[in-house]
Amino acid sequence: MMDVKKALEEAGGDESRAVDILRARGIKAVEKRQDRSTHQGVVDAYIHANGKVGAMVVLACETDFVARNDDFKNLAHEIALHVAAMNPKFLRPEDVTAEAVEREKGIYREQLKAEGKNEAMWDKILEGKLQKYYKDVCLMKQAFVKDDTKSIEGLIIEATAKMGEKIELKEFSRMEIS
């Protein structure tokens, strides 16, 4: 409550500005926690109703207390559901193989060439296209299936700020009968 009061005072009574201030403080608090280790957590699974698609995630946190928290468990389940629905290929952009990146760049270069784009602009355009590619294939960058205004990374940042300790998605797996 005191944080809200201080944010409202700082924002001169403007509620939307106060929300922005609180969100910025939450992100700063999250950044402070990033060097902590995560040795607790849960493994959660989601199996789709048709029984043909399933996913598992390993969501880690700092303490057993948070790992047993219903909000934490729900976050793990929501991420597992997302994995089943969206079929990400990689966890983070840095996990994308060099071969995959080069293959995509090659495709994008051919597209740019066919479109007659100025070669001097290709590097900038390629970078933008790669960022979009990462949003398609990297779990942490994907828009959450239930709320496309948030990424999976954003969900984890929000949960970290809310629960007061570092939360980290360690790995995921998706299985499907086709």
C-alpha atoms as a PDB file:
ATOM      1  CA  MET A   1       0.000   0.000   0.000  1.00  0.00           C
ATOM      2  CA  MET A   2       2.839   2.359   0.807  1.00  0.00           C
ATOM      3  CA  ASP A   3       4.367   1.762  -2.628  1.00  0.00           C
ATOM      4  CA  VAL A   4       1.059   2.644  -4.269  1.00  0.00           C
ATOM      5  CA  LYS A   5       0.736   5.788  -2.173  1.00  0.00           C
ATOM      6  CA  LYS A   6       4.297   6.865  -3.006  1.00  0.00           C
ATOM      7  CA  ALA A   7       3.741   6.181  -6.714  1.00  0.00           C
ATOM      8  CA  LEU A   8       0.522   8.245  -6.697  1.00  0.00           C
ATOM      9  CA  GLU A   9       2.320  11.107  -4.950  1.00  0.00           C
ATOM     10  CA  GLU A  10       5.201  10.898  -7.427  1.00  0.00           C
ATOM     11  CA  ALA A  11       2.727  10.880 -10.344  1.00  0.00           C
ATOM     12  CA  GLY A  12       0.829  13.874  -8.963  1.00  0.00           C
ATOM     13  CA  GLY A  13      -2.366  11.850  -8.564  1.00  0.00           C
ATOM     14  CA  ASP A  14      -2.331  10.525 -12.160  1.00  0.00           C
ATOM     15  CA  GLU A  15      -3.360   6.872 -11.750  1.00  0.00           C
ATOM     16  CA  SER A  16      -2.085   5.661 -15.139  1.00  0.00           C
ATOM     17  CA  ARG A  17       1.297   7.294 -14.543  1.00  0.00           C
ATOM     18  CA  ALA A  18       1.402   5.729 -11.049  1.00  0.00           C
ATOM     19  CA  VAL A  19       0.785   2.297 -12.594  1.00  0.00           C
ATOM     20  CA  ASP A  20       3.693   2.905 -14.986  1.00  0.00           C
ATOM     21  CA  ILE A  21       5.916   3.900 -12.060  1.00  0.00           C
ATOM     22  CA  LEU A  22       4.955   0.747 -10.140  1.00  0.00           C
ATOM     23  CA  ARG A  23       5.566  -1.442 -13.175  1.00  0.00           C
ATOM     24  CA  ALA A  24       8.999   0.135 -13.691  1.00  0.00           C
ATOM     25  CA  ARG A  25       9.853  -0.479 -10.032  1.00  0.00           C
ATOM     26  CA  GLY A  26       8.711  -4.083 -10.390  1.00  0.00           C
ATOM     27  CA  ILE A  27      11.003  -4.602 -13.369  1.00  0.00           C
ATOM     28  CA  LYS A  28      13.908  -3.079 -11.434  1.00  0.00           C
ATOM     29  CA  ALA A  29      13.187  -5.452  -8.552  1.00  0.00           C
ATOM     30  CA  VAL A  30      13.124  -8.355 -10.996  1.00  0.00           C
ATOM     31  CA  GLU A  31      16.485  -7.311 -12.459  1.00  0.00           C
ATOM     32  CA  LYS A  32      18.024  -7.316  -8.957  1.00  0.00           C
ATOM     33  CA  ARG A  33      16.958 -10.939  -8.507  1.00  0.00           C
ATOM     34  CA  GLN A  34      18.420 -12.274 -11.755  1.00  0.00           C
ATOM     35  CA  ASP A  35      21.745 -13.331 -10.233  1.00  0.00           C
ATOM     36  CA  ARG A  36      20.054 -15.552  -7.630  1.00  0.00           C
ATOM     37  CA  SER A  37      19.981 -19.322  -8.069  1.00  0.00           C
ATOM     38  CA  THR A  38      16.816 -21.335  -8.589  1.00  0.00           C
ATOM     39  CA  HIS A  39      16.982 -24.793  -7.047  1.00  0.00           C
ATOM     40  CA  GLN A  40      13.295 -25.318  -6.248  1.00  0.00           C
ATOM     41  CA  GLY A  41      10.259 -25.453  -8.496  1.00  0.00           C
ATOM     42  CA  VAL A  42       7.855 -27.781 -10.240  1.00  0.00           C
ATOM     43  CA  VAL A  43       7.557 -29.980 -13.280  1.00  0.00           C
ATOM     44  CA  ASP A  44       4.097 -29.512 -14.732  1.00  0.00           C
ATOM     45  CA  ALA A  45       2.321 -31.184 -17.627  1.00  0.00           C
ATOM     46  CA  TYR A  46      -0.630 -30.350 -19.809  1.00  0.00           C
ATOM     47  CA  ILE A  47      -2.391 -32.989 -21.888  1.00  0.00           C
ATOM     48  CA  HIS A  48      -4.939 -31.680 -24.381  1.00  0.00           C
ATOM     49  CA  ALA A  49      -8.483 -33.049 -24.121  1.00  0.00           C
ATOM     50  CA  ASN A  50      -8.087 -35.143 -27.282  1.00  0.00           C
ATOM     51  CA  GLY A  51      -5.104 -36.926 -25.722  1.00  0.00           C
ATOM     52  CA  LYS A  52      -2.953 -36.361 -28.804  1.00  0.00           C
ATOM     53  CA  VAL A  53      -0.886 -33.367 -27.671  1.00  0.00           C
ATOM     54  CA  GLY A  54       0.965 -32.881 -24.419  1.00  0.00           C
ATOM     55  CA  ALA A  55       3.659 -30.674 -22.964  1.00  0.00           C
ATOM     56  CA  MET A  56       5.862 -30.556 -19.881  1.00  0.00           C
ATOM     57  CA  VAL A  57       7.731 -27.623 -18.391  1.00  0.00           C
ATOM     58  CA  VAL A  58      10.304 -27.204 -15.649  1.00  0.00           C
ATOM     59  CA  LEU A  59       9.634 -23.936 -13.827  1.00  0.00           C
ATOM     60  CA  ALA A  60      12.163 -23.088 -11.138  1.00  0.00           C
ATOM     61  CA  CYS A  61      12.209 -20.660  -8.228  1.00  0.00           C
ATOM     62  CA  GLU A  62      14.392 -19.890  -5.240  1.00  0.00           C
ATOM     63  CA  THR A  63      12.402 -21.415  -2.384  1.00  0.00           C
ATOM     64  CA  ASP A  64      10.168 -24.381  -1.683  1.00  0.00           C
ATOM     65  CA  PHE A  65       7.648 -21.927  -0.206  1.00  0.00           C
ATOM     66  CA  VAL A  66       7.043 -20.328  -3.606  1.00  0.00           C
ATOM     67  CA  ALA A  67       7.194 -23.687  -5.410  1.00  0.00           C
ATOM     68  CA  ARG A  68       4.191 -24.842  -3.347  1.00  0.00           C
ATOM     69  CA  ASN A  69       2.275 -21.602  -4.036  1.00  0.00           C
ATOM     70  CA  ASP A  70      -0.881 -22.060  -6.145  1.00  0.00           C
ATOM     71  CA  ASP A  71      -0.037 -19.013  -8.293  1.00  0.00           C
ATOM     72  CA  PHE A  72       3.353 -20.516  -9.123  1.00  0.00           C
ATOM     73  CA  LYS A  73       1.856 -23.901  -9.954  1.00  0.00           C
ATOM     74  CA  ASN A  74      -0.796 -22.217 -12.092  1.00  0.00           C
ATOM     75  CA  LEU A  75       1.900 -20.301 -13.983  1.00  0.00           C
ATOM     76  CA  ALA A  76       3.704 -23.566 -14.734  1.00  0.00           C
ATOM     77  CA  HIS A  77       0.462 -25.133 -15.957  1.00  0.00           C
ATOM     78  CA  GLU A  78      -0.401 -22.124 -18.133  1.00  0.00           C
ATOM     79  CA  ILE A  79       3.046 -22.249 -19.737  1.00  0.00           C
ATOM     80  CA  ALA A  80       2.661 -25.990 -20.371  1.00  0.00           C
ATOM     81  CA  LEU A  81      -0.717 -25.319 -22.007  1.00  0.00           C
ATOM     82  CA  HIS A  82       0.914 -22.631 -24.140  1.00  0.00           C
ATOM     83  CA  VAL A  83       3.671 -25.030 -25.235  1.00  0.00           C
ATOM     84  CA  ALA A  84       1.073 -27.602 -26.281  1.00  0.00           C
ATOM     85  CA  ALA A  85      -0.859 -24.995 -28.265  1.00  0.00           C
ATOM     86  CA  MET A  86       1.964 -23.014 -29.882  1.00  0.00           C
ATOM     87  CA  ASN A  87       4.677 -25.642 -30.438  1.00  0.00           C
ATOM     88  CA  PRO A  88       7.787 -23.508 -29.832  1.00  0.00           C
ATOM     89  CA  LYS A  89      11.062 -24.912 -31.153  1.00  0.00           C
ATOM     90  CA  PHE A  90      13.502 -23.165 -28.801  1.00  0.00           C
ATOM     91  CA  LEU A  91      13.424 -21.709 -25.291  1.00  0.00           C
ATOM     92  CA  ARG A  92      15.277 -18.435 -25.988  1.00  0.00           C
ATOM     93  CA  PRO A  93      16.713 -16.673 -29.059  1.00  0.00           C
ATOM     94  CA  GLU A  94      20.239 -17.594 -27.951  1.00  0.00           C
ATOM     95  CA  ASP A  95      19.204 -21.265 -28.165  1.00  0.00           C
ATOM     96  CA  VAL A  96      18.386 -21.030 -31.878  1.00  0.00           C
ATOM     97  CA  THR A  97      21.038 -22.926 -33.830  1.00  0.00           C
ATOM     98  CA  ALA A  98      23.384 -21.004 -36.108  1.00  0.00           C
ATOM     99  CA  GLU A  99      22.184 -23.185 -38.993  1.00  0.00           C
ATOM    100  CA  ALA A 100      18.560 -22.181 -38.392  1.00  0.00           C
ATOM    101  CA  VAL A 101      19.490 -18.486 -38.244  1.00  0.00           C
ATOM    102  CA  GLU A 102      21.523 -18.710 -41.457  1.00  0.00           C
ATOM    103  CA  ARG A 103      18.719 -20.615 -43.205  1.00  0.00           C
ATOM    104  CA  GLU A 104      16.224 -17.905 -42.230  1.00  0.00           C
ATOM    105  CA  LYS A 105      18.597 -15.130 -43.301  1.00  0.00           C
ATOM    106  CA  GLY A 106      19.014 -16.839 -46.664  1.00  0.00           C
ATOM    107  CA  ILE A 107      15.249 -17.005 -47.142  1.00  0.00           C
ATOM    108  CA  TYR A 108      14.866 -13.355 -46.115  1.00  0.00           C
ATOM    109  CA  ARG A 109      17.668 -12.246 -48.470  1.00  0.00           C
ATOM    110  CA  GLU A 110      15.922 -13.984 -51.377  1.00  0.00           C
ATOM    111  CA  GLN A 111      12.655 -12.273 -50.424  1.00  0.00           C
ATOM    112  CA  LEU A 112      14.333  -8.871 -50.232  1.00  0.00           C
ATOM    113  CA  LYS A 113      16.041  -9.441 -53.566  1.00  0.00           C
ATOM    114  CA  ALA A 114      12.718 -10.438 -55.183  1.00  0.00           C
ATOM    115  CA  GLU A 115      11.034  -7.366 -53.685  1.00  0.00           C
ATOM    116  CA  GLY A 116      13.796  -5.123 -55.080  1.00  0.00           C
ATOM    117  CA  LYS A 117      14.718  -3.673 -51.695  1.00  0.00           C
ATOM    118  CA  ASN A 118      17.812  -1.481 -51.475  1.00  0.00           C
ATOM    119  CA  GLU A 119      20.780  -3.674 -50.423  1.00  0.00           C
ATOM    120  CA  ALA A 120      22.028  -0.957 -48.082  1.00  0.00           C
ATOM    121  CA  MET A 121      18.895  -1.528 -45.953  1.00  0.00           C
ATOM    122  CA  TRP A 122      19.070  -5.329 -45.915  1.00  0.00           C
ATOM    123  CA  ASP A 123      20.941  -5.657 -42.590  1.00  0.00           C
ATOM    124  CA  LYS A 124      18.368  -3.544 -40.767  1.00  0.00           C
ATOM    125  CA  ILE A 125      15.462  -5.362 -42.415  1.00  0.00           C
ATOM    126  CA  LEU A 126      17.055  -8.762 -41.707  1.00  0.00           C
ATOM    127  CA  GLU A 127      17.381  -7.911 -38.032  1.00  0.00           C
ATOM    128  CA  GLY A 128      13.691  -6.997 -37.836  1.00  0.00           C
ATOM    129  CA  LYS A 129      12.696 -10.195 -39.630  1.00  0.00           C
ATOM    130  CA  LEU A 130      14.883 -12.250 -37.279  1.00  0.00           C
ATOM    131  CA  GLN A 131      13.197 -10.662 -34.256  1.00  0.00           C
ATOM    132  CA  LYS A 132       9.821 -11.694 -35.702  1.00  0.00           C
ATOM    133  CA  TYR A 133      11.182 -15.197 -36.322  1.00  0.00           C
ATOM    134  CA  TYR A 134      12.262 -15.399 -32.662  1.00  0.00           C
ATOM    135  CA  LYS A 135       8.726 -14.415 -31.590  1.00  0.00           C
ATOM    136  CA  ASP A 136       7.412 -17.318 -33.656  1.00  0.00           C
ATOM    137  CA  VAL A 137       9.821 -20.071 -32.577  1.00  0.00           C
ATOM    138  CA  CYS A 138      11.195 -19.085 -29.134  1.00  0.00           C
ATOM    139  CA  LEU A 139       8.953 -19.860 -26.178  1.00  0.00           C
ATOM    140  CA  MET A 140      10.104 -16.900 -24.079  1.00  0.00           C
ATOM    141  CA  LYS A 141       9.358 -14.439 -26.896  1.00  0.00           C
ATOM    142  CA  GLN A 142       6.004 -15.882 -27.979  1.00  0.00           C
ATOM    143  CA  ALA A 143       2.786 -13.997 -27.246  1.00  0.00           C
ATOM    144  CA  PHE A 144       0.886 -15.873 -24.547  1.00  0.00           C
ATOM    145  CA  VAL A 145      -1.901 -17.924 -26.117  1.00  0.00           C
ATOM    146  CA  LYS A 146      -4.509 -16.672 -23.607  1.00  0.00           C
ATOM    147  CA  ASP A 147      -3.455 -12.992 -23.697  1.00  0.00           C
ATOM    148  CA  ASP A 148      -1.495 -11.897 -26.747  1.00  0.00           C
ATOM    149  CA  THR A 149      -0.588  -8.582 -25.112  1.00  0.00           C
ATOM    150  CA  LYS A 150       1.917 -10.466 -22.934  1.00  0.00           C
ATOM    151  CA  SER A 151       4.836 -12.675 -23.860  1.00  0.00           C
ATOM    152  CA  ILE A 152       5.802 -15.753 -21.856  1.00  0.00           C
ATOM    153  CA  GLU A 153       8.835 -13.759 -20.739  1.00  0.00           C
ATOM    154  CA  GLY A 154       6.481 -10.994 -19.577  1.00  0.00           C
ATOM    155  CA  LEU A 155       4.360 -13.460 -17.621  1.00  0.00           C
ATOM    156  CA  ILE A 156       7.449 -14.711 -15.811  1.00  0.00           C
ATOM    157  CA  ILE A 157       8.627 -11.154 -15.075  1.00  0.00           C
ATOM    158  CA  GLU A 158       5.194 -10.292 -13.650  1.00  0.00           C
ATOM    159  CA  ALA A 159       5.211 -13.431 -11.500  1.00  0.00           C
ATOM    160  CA  THR A 160       8.739 -12.675 -10.280  1.00  0.00           C
ATOM    161  CA  ALA A 161       7.660  -9.181  -9.230  1.00  0.00           C
ATOM    162  CA  LYS A 162       4.491 -10.509  -7.576  1.00  0.00           C
ATOM    163  CA  MET A 163       6.060 -13.434  -5.719  1.00  0.00           C
ATOM    164  CA  GLY A 164       9.217 -11.613  -4.725  1.00  0.00           C
ATOM    165  CA  GLU A 165      11.796 -14.063  -5.959  1.00  0.00           C
ATOM    166  CA  LYS A 166      13.441 -15.169  -9.164  1.00  0.00           C
ATOM    167  CA  ILE A 167      11.392 -17.467 -11.380  1.00  0.00           C
ATOM    168  CA  GLU A 168      13.039 -19.176 -14.305  1.00  0.00           C
ATOM    169  CA  LEU A 169      11.733 -21.433 -17.051  1.00  0.00           C
ATOM    170  CA  LYS A 170      14.441 -24.077 -17.316  1.00  0.00           C
ATOM    171  CA  GLU A 171      13.166 -26.340 -20.092  1.00  0.00           C
ATOM    172  CA  PHE A 172      10.143 -27.638 -21.940  1.00  0.00           C
ATOM    173  CA  SER A 173       9.106 -30.583 -24.049  1.00  0.00           C
ATOM    174  CA  ARG A 174       6.161 -31.124 -26.377  1.00  0.00           C
ATOM    175  CA  MET A 175       4.836 -34.415 -27.677  1.00  0.00           C
ATOM    176  CA  GLU A 176       2.206 -35.033 -30.334  1.00  0.00           C
ATOM    177  CA  ILE A 177       0.603 -37.961 -32.077  1.00  0.00           C
ATOM    178  CA  SER A 178       0.102 -36.981 -35.693  1.00  0.00           C
END
